[in-house]
Protein backbone atom coordinates (compact mmCIF):
# COMPACT_ATOMS: atom_id res chain seq x y z
CA MET A 1 16.27 52.58 -7.08
CA LYS A 2 16.84 52.82 -3.36
CA ARG A 3 13.98 51.46 -1.40
CA HIS A 4 13.49 51.10 2.28
CA PHE A 5 11.85 47.82 2.47
CA LEU A 6 12.85 44.14 2.32
CA ILE A 7 10.50 42.88 -0.56
CA PRO A 8 11.81 43.55 -4.03
CA PRO A 9 9.97 46.64 -5.46
CA THR A 10 8.70 44.83 -8.61
CA LEU A 11 7.27 42.03 -6.47
CA ILE A 12 5.71 44.67 -4.39
CA LEU A 13 4.11 45.69 -7.74
CA THR A 14 3.02 42.13 -8.20
CA VAL A 15 1.37 42.02 -4.72
CA SER A 16 -0.39 45.30 -5.38
CA PHE A 17 -1.90 43.93 -8.52
CA LEU A 18 -2.90 40.59 -6.87
CA LEU A 19 -4.59 42.38 -4.07
CA SER A 20 -6.19 45.27 -5.94
CA PRO A 21 -9.79 44.91 -7.00
CA ALA A 22 -10.33 43.77 -10.55
CA ILE A 23 -11.23 46.37 -12.94
CA ALA A 24 -14.00 45.38 -15.21
CA PHE A 25 -12.84 46.11 -18.71
CA ALA A 26 -13.46 43.84 -21.75
CA PHE A 27 -10.35 41.86 -22.48
CA GLU A 28 -9.43 39.79 -25.45
CA LEU A 29 -6.01 39.02 -27.08
CA PRO A 30 -4.37 40.82 -28.44
CA LYS A 31 -4.70 43.85 -26.27
CA TRP A 32 -3.68 47.17 -27.64
CA PHE A 33 -3.03 50.40 -25.84
CA PRO A 34 -2.75 53.32 -28.25
CA PHE A 35 -2.79 56.04 -25.48
CA SER A 36 -4.95 58.32 -27.70
CA SER A 37 -6.82 60.00 -24.99
CA GLU A 38 -6.78 60.65 -21.22
CA ARG A 39 -9.25 57.85 -20.82
CA SER A 40 -6.52 55.51 -22.02
CA LEU A 41 -5.06 55.46 -18.46
CA ASP A 42 -8.41 54.32 -17.06
CA GLU A 43 -7.31 50.61 -17.26
CA TRP A 44 -4.02 51.31 -15.58
CA GLN A 45 -3.21 51.43 -11.86
CA THR A 46 -0.41 53.12 -9.97
CA LYS A 47 2.08 51.83 -7.58
CA ILE A 48 4.26 54.47 -5.83
CA PHE A 49 7.80 53.37 -4.57
CA LYS A 50 9.42 56.79 -3.91
CA GLY A 51 7.51 59.92 -5.03
CA ARG A 52 5.10 60.00 -7.90
CA VAL A 53 6.17 59.88 -11.46
CA ILE A 54 4.14 62.08 -13.80
CA TYR A 55 2.32 59.92 -16.28
CA LYS A 56 0.09 61.86 -18.75
CA VAL A 57 -1.24 61.29 -22.28
CA GLU A 58 -0.12 63.99 -24.59
CA LYS A 59 -0.78 64.81 -28.16
CA GLU A 60 2.89 64.92 -28.75
CA ARG A 61 2.54 62.80 -31.87
CA ALA A 62 -0.37 61.86 -34.21
CA GLY A 63 -3.04 60.04 -32.02
CA GLY A 64 -1.29 60.86 -28.72
CA SER A 65 1.26 59.08 -26.55
CA LEU A 66 2.16 58.47 -22.79
CA HIS A 67 4.54 61.00 -21.37
CA ALA A 68 6.58 59.82 -18.33
CA LEU A 69 8.54 62.33 -16.28
CA SER A 70 10.42 61.57 -13.05
CA PHE A 71 11.87 64.21 -10.86
CA SER A 72 13.95 62.14 -8.35
CA SER A 73 10.98 59.80 -8.16
CA ALA A 74 10.06 56.24 -8.86
CA SER A 75 6.40 54.96 -9.41
CA ALA A 76 4.96 52.60 -11.97
CA ILE A 77 1.77 52.15 -13.70
CA PHE A 78 0.41 48.70 -14.49
CA TYR A 79 -2.21 46.87 -16.33
CA ARG A 80 -3.71 43.95 -14.57
CA ILE A 81 -4.79 41.04 -17.02
CA LYS A 82 -7.95 39.48 -15.55
CA GLU A 83 -7.83 36.52 -17.78
CA ARG A 84 -4.06 35.53 -17.66
CA TYR A 85 -2.64 33.85 -20.68
CA ARG A 86 0.16 31.39 -21.42
CA VAL A 87 3.07 33.12 -23.04
CA GLN A 88 3.69 29.76 -25.14
CA ASP A 89 0.29 30.55 -26.97
CA TYR A 90 0.84 34.25 -27.47
CA PRO A 91 4.55 35.01 -27.19
CA LEU A 92 4.94 38.53 -28.70
CA LEU A 93 4.93 41.95 -27.15
CA SER A 94 5.56 45.22 -29.09
CA TRP A 95 5.61 48.94 -28.20
CA LYS A 96 7.07 52.29 -29.28
CA TRP A 97 9.14 54.27 -26.91
CA LYS A 98 11.38 57.34 -26.80
CA VAL A 99 13.78 58.51 -24.31
CA VAL A 100 14.05 62.28 -23.97
CA ARG A 101 16.47 62.38 -20.91
CA PHE A 102 18.52 59.68 -19.00
CA PRO A 103 19.20 59.94 -15.45
CA ASP A 104 22.84 60.81 -14.82
CA LYS A 105 24.45 57.71 -13.33
CA GLU A 106 28.00 59.03 -13.79
CA LYS A 107 27.45 60.93 -10.52
CA LEU A 108 26.94 57.53 -9.01
CA LYS A 109 30.06 55.78 -10.74
CA ILE A 110 31.55 54.76 -7.22
CA ARG A 111 28.21 52.84 -6.46
CA LYS A 112 26.71 49.82 -7.92
CA GLY A 113 23.71 47.44 -7.53
CA ILE A 114 20.58 48.93 -6.15
CA GLU A 115 22.19 52.51 -6.17
CA ARG A 116 22.41 52.27 -9.94
CA ASP A 117 19.02 50.94 -10.61
CA ASP A 118 17.58 53.94 -12.36
CA TYR A 119 16.42 53.76 -15.84
CA ALA A 120 14.74 56.21 -18.30
CA ALA A 121 12.33 53.66 -19.50
CA ARG A 122 11.21 50.23 -18.47
CA VAL A 123 8.62 47.80 -19.78
CA TYR A 124 7.66 44.81 -17.37
CA VAL A 125 6.10 41.55 -18.18
CA ILE A 126 4.83 40.04 -14.79
CA PHE A 127 4.26 36.31 -14.23
CA PRO A 128 2.55 36.35 -10.80
CA SER A 129 2.25 33.55 -8.30
CA LEU A 130 0.09 33.30 -5.18
CA ASN A 131 3.37 32.95 -3.42
CA PHE A 132 4.57 36.31 -4.66
CA LEU A 133 8.22 35.48 -3.88
CA SER A 134 7.97 32.80 -6.58
CA SER A 135 6.59 35.28 -9.16
CA LYS A 136 8.86 35.93 -12.15
CA VAL A 137 9.35 39.29 -14.10
CA LEU A 138 11.03 40.15 -17.27
CA GLU A 139 11.98 43.81 -17.35
CA TYR A 140 13.12 45.43 -20.67
CA VAL A 141 15.11 48.50 -20.08
CA TRP A 142 16.61 51.13 -22.17
CA ASP A 143 20.02 52.41 -20.74
CA GLU A 144 22.80 54.40 -22.41
CA LEU A 145 25.76 52.55 -20.84
CA LEU A 146 25.05 48.77 -20.50
CA PRO A 147 25.65 46.26 -23.26
CA LEU A 148 23.00 45.58 -25.81
CA GLU A 149 21.00 42.39 -25.09
CA ALA A 150 22.69 42.00 -21.69
CA ILE A 151 20.79 39.83 -19.23
CA PHE A 152 21.18 40.25 -15.44
CA ASN A 153 19.37 39.83 -12.24
CA SER A 154 17.68 42.78 -10.60
CA PRO A 155 19.59 43.85 -7.46
CA TYR A 156 16.51 42.95 -5.48
CA SER A 157 15.77 39.43 -6.67
CA ALA A 158 16.99 36.77 -9.07
CA ASN A 159 13.35 36.28 -10.12
CA ILE A 160 13.51 39.56 -11.73
CA LYS A 161 15.48 39.41 -14.88
CA LEU A 162 16.56 42.80 -16.82
CA ILE A 163 17.20 42.72 -20.49
CA VAL A 164 18.99 45.72 -22.04
CA ILE A 165 17.35 46.27 -25.51
CA GLN A 166 18.42 49.76 -26.28
CA THR A 167 21.65 51.35 -25.38
CA SER A 168 22.45 54.02 -27.76
CA ALA A 169 22.25 57.70 -26.61
CA LYS A 170 22.33 58.26 -30.40
CA GLU A 171 18.46 57.49 -30.64
CA LEU A 172 17.75 60.09 -27.81
CA GLY A 173 14.62 62.00 -28.74
CA LYS A 174 13.74 59.48 -31.50
CA TRP A 175 10.79 57.02 -31.50
CA VAL A 176 11.95 53.37 -31.59
CA THR A 177 9.70 50.46 -32.14
CA GLU A 178 10.30 47.05 -30.33
CA GLU A 179 8.84 43.71 -30.75
CA ARG A 180 9.96 40.92 -28.34
CA ASN A 181 9.40 37.23 -28.23
CA VAL A 182 8.68 37.06 -24.58
CA LEU A 183 8.83 33.31 -24.47
CA ALA A 184 12.22 33.23 -26.13
CA ASP A 185 13.35 35.96 -23.74
CA TYR A 186 12.09 34.10 -20.74
CA ARG A 187 13.91 30.90 -21.76
CA ARG A 188 17.24 32.92 -22.23
CA ALA A 189 16.72 34.79 -18.99
CA PHE A 190 15.62 32.00 -16.71
CA GLY A 191 16.93 29.00 -18.56
CA LYS A 192 13.58 27.11 -18.39
CA GLU A 193 10.05 27.04 -19.61
CA PRO A 194 7.55 29.53 -17.90
CA MET A 195 5.25 27.67 -15.67
CA LEU A 196 3.20 30.77 -14.74
CA LYS A 197 0.96 32.75 -16.99
CA VAL A 198 1.31 36.33 -17.82
CA GLY A 199 -0.81 38.36 -15.32
CA ALA A 200 0.35 42.01 -15.72
CA VAL A 201 2.36 44.41 -17.75
CA ALA A 202 3.80 47.64 -16.22
CA LEU A 203 5.72 50.78 -17.40
CA MET A 204 8.05 53.04 -15.43
CA SER A 205 10.56 55.82 -15.89
CA ASP A 206 12.66 56.50 -12.65
CA ALA A 207 15.43 58.59 -11.33
CA ASP A 208 15.30 58.34 -7.45
CA ASN A 209 18.68 57.10 -6.72
CA THR A 210 20.32 59.75 -9.00
CA ALA A 211 18.11 62.38 -7.56
CA ASP A 212 18.03 63.58 -11.26
CA ILE A 213 15.48 63.68 -13.97
CA ALA A 214 14.36 60.91 -16.46
CA GLU A 215 11.84 61.44 -19.20
CA ALA A 216 10.40 59.10 -21.81
CA TYR A 217 7.38 58.35 -23.93
CA PHE A 218 5.55 55.12 -24.58
CA ASP A 219 2.92 54.28 -27.23
CA ASP A 220 1.12 51.51 -29.07
CA ILE A 221 1.64 48.73 -26.58
CA LYS A 222 0.32 45.49 -27.93
CA ILE A 223 0.31 42.21 -25.66
CA GLY A 224 -0.53 38.71 -26.21
CA TYR A 225 -0.36 37.82 -29.97
CA LYS A 226 1.56 35.67 -32.34
CA LYS A 227 2.69 35.75 -35.98
CA GLU A 228 0.05 34.68 -38.34
CA ARG A 229 1.19 32.00 -40.83
């Protein structure tokens, strides 16, 4: 996504969540977001990078889901975790998502890096630091072209690691369930143990660089749990 500022956008998101007032909602792990009503978004905040993505709870499936629609825009919604937790204690994250339309990157095939940083669906796990440039971010993406399980730096910062966990366009229009061991992914991506606690999760669908359309659905996000023995 093409941005006109020096600070990486995901770290801008980190700053936003650090500086924004706390929202007083009860929190205990695991935290589950079923997106079953419009009130489901009351706990989420918005950060606009370039234009506003439309995030709306829809009754598209039993119980509802979150619909994300980007028209050449890039904005994220994020949930601030007031009581941050150690990913070593609660390493698992799961969700369902469905991509309806990918932004057309083929029109940008002669470009690379920031110019190609558009994804139909992203899920972020943010490890914030008071020195926000030391914050770490894992970013799970669904792309139709990149190799499965590829890990690479964001074009904005080596502290933001992208992990490609869906690549097939064959799944277009189908719900896919994910469960990730965030601790294991962090170790693979950064090559060390996380020293910071999980402080936020975020969702985004964007198509600002391609000046195209991206569309996806999210549902049943569950954060901060572990397998029961």
